[in-house]
N, C-alpha and C. Protein backbone atom coordinates (compact mmCIF):
# COMPACT_ATOMS: atom_id res chain seq x y z
N MET A 1 51.80 125.64 119.75
CA MET A 1 52.39 126.03 119.06
C MET A 1 52.28 127.12 118.36
N VAL A 2 52.47 127.61 116.75
CA VAL A 2 52.50 129.11 116.11
C VAL A 2 51.26 129.29 116.07
N THR A 3 51.09 130.56 116.51
CA THR A 3 49.67 131.27 116.83
C THR A 3 49.60 132.35 116.09
N GLY A 4 50.61 133.27 115.62
CA GLY A 4 50.85 133.95 114.85
C GLY A 4 51.81 134.58 114.07
N ILE A 5 51.96 135.81 113.47
CA ILE A 5 53.17 136.52 113.23
C ILE A 5 53.24 137.06 114.34
N ALA A 6 54.53 137.09 114.43
CA ALA A 6 54.54 138.75 115.87
C ALA A 6 55.31 140.00 115.45
N HIS A 7 55.79 139.85 114.42
CA HIS A 7 56.58 141.07 113.49
C HIS A 7 57.53 140.63 112.71
N LEU A 8 58.18 141.35 111.78
CA LEU A 8 58.67 141.37 110.62
C LEU A 8 59.83 142.57 110.81
N ALA A 9 61.21 142.12 110.34
CA ALA A 9 62.22 142.72 111.00
C ALA A 9 62.73 143.66 109.59
N PHE A 10 62.85 144.71 109.30
CA PHE A 10 64.18 145.68 108.50
C PHE A 10 65.46 145.97 109.27
N ILE A 11 66.27 146.15 108.55
CA ILE A 11 67.28 147.01 108.73
C ILE A 11 66.99 147.96 108.15
N VAL A 12 66.97 149.47 108.45
CA VAL A 12 67.14 150.94 107.50
C VAL A 12 67.92 152.00 107.44
N ASN A 13 68.13 152.63 106.59
CA ASN A 13 69.59 153.44 106.19
C ASN A 13 68.59 154.56 107.08
N ASP A 14 67.48 155.12 106.73
CA ASP A 14 67.19 155.99 107.17
C ASP A 14 66.17 156.00 108.35
N MET A 15 65.91 156.14 109.38
CA MET A 15 65.08 156.22 110.25
C MET A 15 63.86 156.58 110.11
N GLU A 16 64.12 158.10 110.42
CA GLU A 16 63.15 158.75 109.78
C GLU A 16 62.07 159.23 108.47
N LYS A 17 62.96 158.58 107.50
CA LYS A 17 62.15 158.09 106.27
C LYS A 17 61.63 156.86 106.64
N SER A 18 61.84 156.14 107.15
CA SER A 18 61.04 154.56 107.35
C SER A 18 60.27 154.95 108.31
N LEU A 19 59.86 155.81 109.04
CA LEU A 19 59.15 155.85 110.43
C LEU A 19 58.31 156.75 109.65
N LYS A 20 58.65 157.60 108.76
CA LYS A 20 57.36 158.49 108.30
C LYS A 20 56.40 157.16 107.16
N PHE A 21 57.13 156.95 106.26
CA PHE A 21 56.69 155.93 105.54
C PHE A 21 55.54 155.04 105.84
N TYR A 22 55.87 154.05 107.16
CA TYR A 22 55.02 153.93 107.83
C TYR A 22 53.61 154.10 108.21
N GLU A 23 54.38 155.50 108.63
CA GLU A 23 53.22 156.41 109.28
C GLU A 23 51.70 156.84 108.61
N THR A 24 52.53 156.76 107.06
CA THR A 24 51.09 156.94 106.26
C THR A 24 50.48 155.97 106.24
N PHE A 25 50.62 154.90 106.73
CA PHE A 25 49.57 153.71 106.47
C PHE A 25 49.12 153.89 108.05
N GLY A 26 49.13 154.46 108.94
CA GLY A 26 48.71 154.56 109.97
C GLY A 26 49.37 153.45 110.93
N ILE A 27 50.69 153.25 110.55
CA ILE A 27 51.16 152.31 111.38
C ILE A 27 51.93 153.25 112.16
N LYS A 28 51.91 153.25 113.58
CA LYS A 28 52.62 154.11 114.51
C LYS A 28 53.88 153.63 115.48
N LYS A 29 54.82 154.16 115.48
CA LYS A 29 55.56 153.76 116.76
C LYS A 29 55.03 153.52 117.75
N VAL A 30 55.86 152.75 118.80
CA VAL A 30 55.11 152.54 120.14
C VAL A 30 56.16 152.94 120.90
N PHE A 31 57.32 152.09 120.55
CA PHE A 31 58.48 152.29 121.73
C PHE A 31 59.88 152.09 121.05
N THR A 32 60.96 152.25 121.53
CA THR A 32 62.20 152.06 121.32
C THR A 32 62.74 151.19 122.21
N ILE A 33 64.03 150.51 121.31
CA ILE A 33 64.58 149.50 122.93
C ILE A 33 65.79 150.12 121.99
N SER A 34 66.25 150.22 123.43
CA SER A 34 67.87 150.86 122.92
C SER A 34 68.97 149.73 123.16
N ASN A 35 70.44 149.92 122.79
CA ASN A 35 71.54 149.25 123.01
C ASN A 35 72.29 149.13 124.43
N LYS A 36 73.09 148.03 124.55
CA LYS A 36 73.75 148.30 125.88
C LYS A 36 74.79 149.38 125.70
N GLU A 37 74.42 150.30 125.20
CA GLU A 37 75.02 151.89 124.92
C GLU A 37 74.17 152.59 125.77
N GLY A 38 72.77 152.56 125.54
CA GLY A 38 72.14 153.30 125.43
C GLY A 38 71.51 154.28 124.29
N GLU A 39 71.78 153.56 122.95
CA GLU A 39 71.38 153.89 121.93
C GLU A 39 70.23 153.53 121.13
N PRO A 40 69.72 154.44 120.77
CA PRO A 40 68.43 153.59 119.81
C PRO A 40 68.84 152.47 119.10
N TRP A 41 68.31 151.55 119.16
CA TRP A 41 68.77 150.46 117.98
C TRP A 41 67.53 149.79 117.58
N ILE A 42 66.88 149.53 117.96
CA ILE A 42 64.90 148.85 117.01
C ILE A 42 64.06 150.05 117.78
N GLU A 43 63.29 150.16 116.70
CA GLU A 43 61.67 150.93 116.84
C GLU A 43 60.87 150.28 116.51
N TYR A 44 59.91 149.83 117.17
CA TYR A 44 58.85 148.79 117.35
C TYR A 44 57.47 150.34 116.34
N LEU A 45 56.95 149.60 115.81
CA LEU A 45 55.85 149.75 114.85
C LEU A 45 54.27 148.93 115.35
N LYS A 46 53.33 149.20 115.43
CA LYS A 46 52.20 148.45 115.45
C LYS A 46 51.39 148.00 114.76
N VAL A 47 51.16 147.62 114.10
CA VAL A 47 50.52 147.18 112.79
C VAL A 47 48.76 146.47 113.59
N ALA A 48 48.55 146.01 114.29
CA ALA A 48 47.67 145.34 114.88
C ALA A 48 47.97 145.22 116.12
N ASP A 49 46.95 144.72 117.20
CA ASP A 49 46.81 143.54 118.25
C ASP A 49 47.89 142.92 118.20
N GLY A 50 49.29 142.50 118.77
CA GLY A 50 50.11 141.69 118.86
C GLY A 50 50.72 141.75 117.37
N GLN A 51 50.89 142.61 116.38
CA GLN A 51 51.78 142.54 115.60
C GLN A 51 52.23 143.39 115.00
N PHE A 52 53.26 143.70 114.94
CA PHE A 52 54.32 144.59 115.12
C PHE A 52 55.33 144.73 113.60
N ILE A 53 56.23 145.50 113.39
CA ILE A 53 56.97 146.06 112.16
C ILE A 53 58.08 146.25 113.49
N GLU A 54 59.40 145.60 113.37
CA GLU A 54 60.76 146.61 114.07
C GLU A 54 61.62 146.69 112.73
N LEU A 55 62.05 148.32 113.25
CA LEU A 55 62.88 148.77 112.41
C LEU A 55 64.23 149.11 112.59
N PHE A 56 65.49 148.29 112.77
CA PHE A 56 66.32 148.42 113.33
C PHE A 56 67.43 149.37 112.41
N TYR A 57 67.71 149.98 113.58
CA TYR A 57 69.34 151.18 112.62
C TYR A 57 70.08 150.24 112.49
N SER A 58 70.69 150.71 111.29
CA SER A 58 72.01 150.13 110.20
C SER A 58 73.10 150.04 110.99
N LYS A 59 73.35 150.87 111.63
CA LYS A 59 74.73 151.03 112.85
C LYS A 59 74.82 149.76 113.02
N ASP A 60 76.00 149.07 112.64
CA ASP A 60 76.02 147.64 113.37
C ASP A 60 75.63 146.41 113.16
N SER A 61 74.32 146.69 112.92
CA SER A 61 73.49 145.82 112.77
C SER A 61 73.75 144.51 112.07
N PHE A 62 74.55 144.05 110.52
CA PHE A 62 75.48 143.26 110.23
C PHE A 62 76.42 142.73 111.20
N GLU A 63 76.93 143.62 111.80
CA GLU A 63 78.18 143.03 112.64
C GLU A 63 77.61 142.63 113.78
N THR A 64 76.67 142.85 114.31
CA THR A 64 76.16 142.53 115.91
C THR A 64 75.14 141.03 115.79
N VAL A 65 74.63 141.43 115.09
CA VAL A 65 73.78 139.47 114.34
C VAL A 65 73.90 138.80 113.24
N PRO A 66 75.66 138.09 113.36
CA PRO A 66 76.12 137.40 111.77
C PRO A 66 75.32 136.88 111.00
N MET A 67 73.92 135.91 111.28
CA MET A 67 73.23 135.75 110.18
C MET A 67 72.66 136.73 109.47
N TRP A 68 72.59 137.33 109.62
CA TRP A 68 71.69 138.24 108.90
C TRP A 68 72.92 139.08 108.08
N LYS A 69 73.73 138.59 107.47
CA LYS A 69 75.38 138.80 106.24
C LYS A 69 74.46 138.59 105.16
N ASN A 70 73.86 137.24 105.32
CA ASN A 70 73.39 136.77 103.86
C ASN A 70 71.89 136.89 103.93
N LYS A 71 71.44 138.15 104.21
CA LYS A 71 69.62 138.36 104.14
C LYS A 71 69.29 137.34 102.74
N TYR A 72 67.53 137.00 103.05
CA TYR A 72 67.00 136.96 101.60
C TYR A 72 65.81 137.14 102.18
N TYR A 73 64.98 138.06 101.22
CA TYR A 73 63.68 138.62 101.71
C TYR A 73 62.70 138.77 100.44
N ALA A 74 61.49 138.06 100.48
CA ALA A 74 60.70 138.35 99.24
C ALA A 74 59.92 140.14 99.31
N HIS A 75 58.63 139.72 100.17
CA HIS A 75 58.35 140.86 100.79
C HIS A 75 57.45 141.08 102.21
N LEU A 76 57.19 142.56 102.27
CA LEU A 76 55.99 142.55 103.22
C LEU A 76 54.84 142.39 103.01
N CYS A 77 53.45 141.76 103.50
CA CYS A 77 51.97 141.84 102.88
C CYS A 77 51.32 142.51 103.97
N LEU A 78 50.50 143.44 103.63
CA LEU A 78 49.88 144.50 105.02
C LEU A 78 48.28 144.04 104.17
N ALA A 79 47.05 143.56 105.21
CA ALA A 79 46.03 143.57 104.88
C ALA A 79 45.03 144.81 104.99
N VAL A 80 44.69 144.56 103.79
CA VAL A 80 43.93 146.35 104.16
C VAL A 80 42.65 146.51 103.79
N ASP A 81 41.69 147.17 103.85
CA ASP A 81 40.15 147.05 103.91
C ASP A 81 39.77 148.00 102.23
N ASP A 82 40.67 148.63 101.65
CA ASP A 82 40.04 149.04 100.68
C ASP A 82 41.10 149.50 99.72
N ILE A 83 41.73 148.88 98.83
CA ILE A 83 42.84 148.55 97.92
C ILE A 83 43.37 149.88 97.14
N HIS A 84 42.19 150.46 96.81
CA HIS A 84 41.97 151.62 96.31
C HIS A 84 42.27 153.08 96.70
N ALA A 85 41.75 152.75 98.05
CA ALA A 85 41.97 154.08 98.83
C ALA A 85 43.75 153.81 99.26
N VAL A 86 44.12 152.99 99.16
CA VAL A 86 45.81 152.79 99.94
C VAL A 86 46.55 153.12 98.24
N ALA A 87 46.65 152.50 97.35
CA ALA A 87 46.99 153.34 96.14
C ALA A 87 47.03 154.93 96.38
N LYS A 88 46.13 155.46 96.32
CA LYS A 88 45.74 156.49 96.76
C LYS A 88 46.64 157.48 97.62
N VAL A 89 46.44 156.74 98.42
CA VAL A 89 47.45 157.49 99.47
C VAL A 89 48.63 157.19 99.02
N ILE A 90 49.51 156.19 98.70
CA ILE A 90 50.86 155.83 98.24
C ILE A 90 51.52 157.16 97.38
N THR A 91 50.28 157.07 96.33
CA THR A 91 50.72 158.30 95.36
C THR A 91 50.35 159.74 95.64
N ASP A 92 49.64 159.63 96.77
CA ASP A 92 49.18 161.46 96.96
C ASP A 92 50.85 161.81 97.86
N ASN A 93 51.21 160.68 98.18
CA ASN A 93 52.04 161.06 99.60
C ASN A 93 53.49 160.79 98.66
N GLY A 94 53.44 160.52 97.37
CA GLY A 94 54.52 160.76 96.53
C GLY A 94 55.50 160.20 96.94
N TYR A 95 54.94 158.61 96.73
CA TYR A 95 55.74 157.10 96.95
C TYR A 95 54.90 156.81 95.28
N ASN A 96 56.02 155.74 95.08
CA ASN A 96 55.48 154.75 93.66
C ASN A 96 55.11 153.97 93.77
N LEU A 97 53.95 154.40 93.31
CA LEU A 97 52.93 152.63 93.08
C LEU A 97 53.54 151.73 91.91
N GLU A 98 54.20 150.70 92.54
CA GLU A 98 54.82 149.88 91.49
C GLU A 98 54.06 148.78 90.28
N VAL A 99 52.97 148.48 90.92
CA VAL A 99 51.92 147.70 90.86
C VAL A 99 50.60 148.21 91.38
N ALA A 100 49.75 148.84 89.96
CA ALA A 100 47.98 149.37 90.30
C ALA A 100 47.53 148.27 91.17
N PRO A 101 46.39 148.54 91.64
CA PRO A 101 45.30 147.88 91.82
C PRO A 101 44.72 146.64 91.04
N ASN A 102 45.52 145.07 91.29
CA ASN A 102 44.63 144.33 90.54
C ASN A 102 44.23 143.13 91.19
N LYS A 103 43.46 142.66 90.61
CA LYS A 103 42.62 140.80 91.32
C LYS A 103 43.76 140.17 90.95
N GLY A 104 44.42 139.41 92.31
CA GLY A 104 45.31 138.40 91.95
C GLY A 104 44.87 137.08 91.83
N SER A 105 45.64 135.92 90.93
CA SER A 105 45.33 134.80 90.93
C SER A 105 44.27 134.18 92.21
N ASP A 106 44.59 134.36 93.33
CA ASP A 106 44.13 134.09 94.55
C ASP A 106 43.06 134.68 94.69
N ASN A 107 42.44 135.78 93.89
CA ASN A 107 41.19 136.26 94.01
C ASN A 107 41.23 137.70 94.63
N ASN A 108 41.77 137.68 95.44
CA ASN A 108 42.77 139.52 96.27
C ASN A 108 42.92 140.07 95.14
N TRP A 109 42.26 141.70 95.93
CA TRP A 109 42.62 143.24 95.06
C TRP A 109 44.41 142.92 95.86
N GLN A 110 45.42 143.62 95.00
CA GLN A 110 46.72 143.89 95.59
C GLN A 110 46.89 145.07 94.99
N CYS A 111 47.75 145.54 95.52
CA CYS A 111 48.75 146.54 94.70
C CYS A 111 50.35 146.87 95.39
N TRP A 112 51.27 147.05 94.87
CA TRP A 112 52.40 147.06 95.56
C TRP A 112 53.58 148.29 95.71
N THR A 113 54.09 148.95 96.68
CA THR A 113 55.35 149.87 96.59
C THR A 113 56.48 149.08 97.21
N CYS A 114 57.65 150.23 97.26
CA CYS A 114 58.31 150.00 97.90
C CYS A 114 58.76 151.17 98.90
N ASP A 115 59.37 150.99 100.40
CA ASP A 115 59.69 151.80 101.33
C ASP A 115 61.16 152.17 100.83
N PRO A 116 61.28 152.73 102.29
CA PRO A 116 62.37 153.79 101.79
C PRO A 116 63.73 153.18 101.19
N ASP A 117 63.88 152.27 101.45
CA ASP A 117 64.92 151.04 101.54
C ASP A 117 64.87 150.33 100.51
N GLY A 118 64.29 150.33 99.44
CA GLY A 118 63.69 148.99 98.27
C GLY A 118 63.09 148.12 98.58
N ASN A 119 62.42 147.69 99.77
CA ASN A 119 61.76 146.42 100.13
C ASN A 119 60.58 146.83 100.12
N ALA A 120 59.95 145.29 99.28
CA ALA A 120 58.75 145.34 98.35
C ALA A 120 57.34 145.35 99.84
N ILE A 121 56.99 146.01 99.39
CA ILE A 121 55.60 145.96 100.22
C ILE A 121 54.31 146.21 99.60
N GLU A 122 53.59 144.61 99.68
CA GLU A 122 52.37 144.29 99.33
C GLU A 122 51.26 145.08 99.96
N PHE A 123 49.87 145.07 99.72
CA PHE A 123 48.71 145.47 100.02
C PHE A 123 47.78 144.58 99.76
N MET A 124 47.14 143.95 100.13
CA MET A 124 46.16 143.37 99.89
C MET A 124 44.93 143.24 100.55
N GLN A 125 43.63 143.58 99.93
CA GLN A 125 42.49 143.51 100.18
C GLN A 125 41.70 141.88 100.04
N ILE A 126 41.30 141.23 101.11
CA ILE A 126 41.22 139.68 101.08
C ILE A 126 39.43 139.33 101.03
N MET A 127 39.22 139.02 100.06
CA MET A 127 38.15 139.16 99.39
C MET A 127 36.90 137.84 100.04
N PRO A 128 36.05 137.80 100.17
CA PRO A 128 35.13 136.37 100.47
C PRO A 128 35.28 135.04 99.47
N ASP A 129 35.77 135.68 98.16
CA ASP A 129 35.81 134.41 97.62
C ASP A 129 37.23 133.83 97.30
N SER A 130 38.35 134.58 98.11
CA SER A 130 39.62 134.02 97.80
C SER A 130 40.34 132.76 98.29
N LEU A 131 41.09 132.53 97.79
CA LEU A 131 41.78 131.39 98.60
C LEU A 131 42.07 130.91 99.95
N GLN A 132 42.42 132.48 100.30
CA GLN A 132 42.69 132.14 101.77
C GLN A 132 41.48 132.42 102.77
N MET A 133 40.16 132.57 101.96
CA MET A 133 39.23 132.85 103.19
C MET A 133 38.38 131.61 102.78
N LEU A 134 39.03 130.12 102.03
CA LEU A 134 38.15 129.62 101.55
C LEU A 134 38.82 128.28 102.30
N SER A 135 40.16 128.28 102.45
CA SER A 135 40.96 127.24 103.06
C SER A 135 40.65 127.08 104.79
């Protein structure tokens, strides 16, 4: 059955801005998938072994995949080892820190920002006494 999350996909308006945003956090582009015309279609970014973020070029994405027309999305959560260091990286690179580091109701540290397209990104430092670790 399910063994993990393989990838999360976003349609982006400005690929260079989006790539720069994710590279800020050490998430590197590893390969490109081209469309039938040989044009770049999807950029693959590696988060960890077997875990990726797909960035789709916005051109024709909604027309080529009809089920994306009524998209619903809440947020992407990335696990980190030092929430305060991540918050500093966010602000040092000119991104808005939407929610400063704080301890959530699940006992994990979290902070929030948005990518260049306004998608909410949560960073979470999983704590040993968190609900996730006790489950």
